[in-house]
Amino acid sequence: MEAELDKIDLRILRLLQADGRMGNAEIAKRVNTSAATCHRRIQRLFAEGYVTGVRAQIDPHKVEKGTLAIVGVVLDRSTPESFGLFEQAVKALPAVLDCHIVAGDFDYFLKIRVRDLADFNKLHAKTLLALPGVRQTRTFFVMKEVIDNAPLEF
């Protein structure tokens, strides 16, 4: 990565990561380039996939999604087909914020946000257990979010 990006590009990425609403003129000022040069660099960073999106971070409690659960999932088979079917189905669930295939005791970890325990129980019983290939789940309820979505260090 660093062979393709210079110091200015890295500074632009750090600024965008810290505040995606920061305007081009302010970024240009902070990295000591012209607005036009800065704009071209930002467009290139998007085009080359260094920046994959910009979005607002919403306080989950303000929109009644204050309960966070991490769910470990074990599938009944370890085949490309079973993984594919599970992944396709889990992508359709709005409550699932993250889905990661992992090594170890579980096949996947899901990060799920819901209103409360009753909401989770309903989702678990009617949806999660019915996902293709699910043999077992283990749920961990988050008691306190110490670090969430921290910026990447580079």
Protein backbone atom coordinates (compact mmCIF):
# COMPACT_ATOMS: atom_id res chain seq x y z
CA MET A 1 0.00 0.00 0.00
CA GLU A 2 2.62 2.57 1.02
CA ALA A 3 4.59 2.15 -2.22
CA GLU A 4 1.58 3.49 -4.16
CA LEU A 5 0.56 6.23 -1.74
CA ASP A 6 2.62 9.23 -0.76
CA LYS A 7 2.50 11.19 2.49
CA ILE A 8 -0.19 13.54 1.19
CA ASP A 9 -2.44 10.64 0.18
CA LEU A 10 -2.04 9.08 3.62
CA ARG A 11 -2.85 12.38 5.32
CA ILE A 12 -5.95 12.75 3.16
CA LEU A 13 -7.07 9.23 4.10
CA ARG A 14 -6.55 9.95 7.80
CA LEU A 15 -8.55 13.18 7.57
CA LEU A 16 -11.42 11.49 5.70
CA GLN A 17 -11.44 8.63 8.19
CA ALA A 18 -11.63 11.06 11.11
CA ASP A 19 -14.38 13.18 9.53
CA GLY A 20 -16.03 12.06 6.31
CA ARG A 21 -17.93 15.36 6.15
CA MET A 22 -14.78 17.44 5.91
CA GLY A 23 -14.88 19.48 2.72
CA ASN A 24 -12.32 19.45 -0.03
CA ALA A 25 -11.16 23.01 0.72
CA GLU A 26 -10.47 22.17 4.37
CA ILE A 27 -8.63 18.96 3.45
CA ALA A 28 -6.55 20.82 0.87
CA LYS A 29 -5.63 23.42 3.47
CA ARG A 30 -4.61 20.77 6.01
CA VAL A 31 -2.45 18.83 3.55
CA ASN A 32 -1.04 22.00 1.98
CA THR A 33 -2.18 21.47 -1.62
CA SER A 34 -4.48 23.35 -3.96
CA ALA A 35 -8.18 22.50 -3.87
CA ALA A 36 -8.01 21.14 -7.44
CA THR A 37 -5.05 18.88 -6.65
CA CYS A 38 -6.72 17.68 -3.48
CA HIS A 39 -9.95 16.94 -5.35
CA ARG A 40 -8.09 14.87 -7.97
CA ARG A 41 -6.29 12.94 -5.25
CA ILE A 42 -9.53 12.22 -3.36
CA GLN A 43 -11.24 11.08 -6.58
CA ARG A 44 -8.29 8.75 -7.29
CA LEU A 45 -8.41 7.34 -3.74
CA PHE A 46 -12.10 6.51 -4.26
CA ALA A 47 -11.57 5.16 -7.79
CA GLU A 48 -8.71 2.89 -6.68
CA GLY A 49 -10.74 1.52 -3.76
CA TYR A 50 -8.76 3.03 -0.88
CA VAL A 51 -11.96 4.71 0.27
CA THR A 52 -14.89 2.34 -0.04
CA GLY A 53 -17.62 4.67 1.23
CA VAL A 54 -18.56 7.53 3.49
CA ARG A 55 -21.47 7.35 5.91
CA ALA A 56 -22.80 8.80 9.12
CA GLN A 57 -22.43 6.90 12.37
CA ILE A 58 -25.83 6.72 14.05
CA ASP A 59 -26.22 6.36 17.81
CA PRO A 60 -27.96 2.96 18.07
CA HIS A 61 -29.72 3.92 21.31
CA LYS A 62 -31.39 6.90 19.62
CA VAL A 63 -32.97 4.60 17.02
CA GLU A 64 -33.97 1.85 19.46
CA LYS A 65 -31.17 -0.59 18.56
CA GLY A 66 -29.30 -0.47 21.87
CA THR A 67 -28.76 -4.20 22.38
CA LEU A 68 -25.64 -5.59 20.78
CA ALA A 69 -25.00 -9.31 20.45
CA ILE A 70 -22.12 -11.28 19.01
CA VAL A 71 -23.28 -14.65 17.74
CA GLY A 72 -20.95 -17.54 16.98
CA VAL A 73 -22.36 -19.85 14.33
CA VAL A 74 -21.37 -23.42 13.54
CA LEU A 75 -22.59 -24.94 10.28
CA ASP A 76 -23.45 -28.60 9.87
CA ARG A 77 -21.07 -29.01 6.91
CA SER A 78 -17.85 -27.32 5.85
CA THR A 79 -18.37 -27.21 2.11
CA PRO A 80 -18.22 -24.29 -0.31
CA GLU A 81 -21.92 -24.81 -1.05
CA SER A 82 -23.01 -24.67 2.60
CA PHE A 83 -20.89 -21.58 3.23
CA GLY A 84 -22.29 -19.91 0.12
CA LEU A 85 -25.91 -20.60 1.05
CA PHE A 86 -25.38 -19.33 4.59
CA GLU A 87 -23.62 -16.17 3.43
CA GLN A 88 -26.29 -15.40 0.85
CA ALA A 89 -29.05 -15.78 3.45
CA VAL A 90 -27.32 -13.78 6.20
CA LYS A 91 -26.75 -10.82 3.83
CA ALA A 92 -30.54 -10.38 3.70
CA LEU A 93 -30.86 -9.81 7.47
CA PRO A 94 -30.93 -6.09 8.36
CA ALA A 95 -30.10 -6.75 12.03
CA VAL A 96 -26.75 -8.31 11.07
CA LEU A 97 -24.15 -5.54 10.96
CA ASP A 98 -21.09 -7.74 10.40
CA CYS A 99 -20.52 -11.32 9.35
CA HIS A 100 -17.03 -12.82 9.46
CA ILE A 101 -15.86 -16.31 8.64
CA VAL A 102 -13.41 -17.32 11.37
CA ALA A 103 -11.01 -20.07 12.32
CA GLY A 104 -11.52 -21.93 15.58
CA ASP A 105 -14.58 -23.28 17.33
CA PHE A 106 -17.05 -21.36 15.15
CA ASP A 107 -17.47 -20.95 11.41
CA TYR A 108 -18.82 -17.38 11.61
CA PHE A 109 -19.20 -14.49 14.00
CA LEU A 110 -22.18 -12.20 13.52
CA LYS A 111 -22.51 -8.74 15.04
CA ILE A 112 -26.21 -8.08 15.56
CA ARG A 113 -28.09 -5.00 16.79
CA VAL A 114 -31.65 -5.24 18.08
CA ARG A 115 -34.01 -3.28 20.31
CA ASP A 116 -33.84 -5.54 23.36
CA LEU A 117 -33.58 -9.16 24.54
CA ALA A 118 -37.12 -9.96 23.46
CA ASP A 119 -36.34 -8.67 19.98
CA PHE A 120 -33.20 -10.83 19.89
CA ASN A 121 -35.07 -13.92 21.10
CA LYS A 122 -37.59 -13.51 18.30
CA LEU A 123 -34.81 -13.05 15.70
CA HIS A 124 -32.90 -16.04 17.07
CA ALA A 125 -35.83 -18.42 17.19
CA LYS A 126 -37.48 -17.49 13.89
CA THR A 127 -34.55 -16.47 11.72
CA LEU A 128 -31.03 -17.29 12.88
CA LEU A 129 -31.69 -20.93 13.67
CA ALA A 130 -33.47 -21.30 10.34
CA LEU A 131 -30.54 -20.02 8.26
CA PRO A 132 -29.20 -22.64 5.81
CA GLY A 133 -26.85 -25.15 7.40
CA VAL A 134 -26.90 -23.77 10.95
CA ARG A 135 -26.14 -26.53 13.43
CA GLN A 136 -25.39 -24.44 16.52
CA THR A 137 -25.21 -20.86 17.74
CA ARG A 138 -23.71 -19.30 20.82
CA THR A 139 -24.67 -15.77 21.78
CA PHE A 140 -22.62 -13.22 23.68
CA PHE A 141 -24.46 -10.08 24.80
CA VAL A 142 -22.27 -6.99 24.96
CA MET A 143 -22.41 -5.37 28.38
CA LYS A 144 -20.34 -2.31 27.48
CA GLU A 145 -18.89 -1.10 24.19
CA VAL A 146 -15.36 -0.08 25.03
CA ILE A 147 -14.12 0.36 21.44
CA ASP A 148 -16.44 0.24 18.46
CA ASN A 149 -15.45 0.89 14.87
CA ALA A 150 -12.09 2.46 15.76
CA PRO A 151 -10.22 4.13 12.91
CA LEU A 152 -7.54 2.13 11.11
CA GLU A 153 -4.00 3.03 12.03
CA PHE A 154 -1.66 3.51 9.08
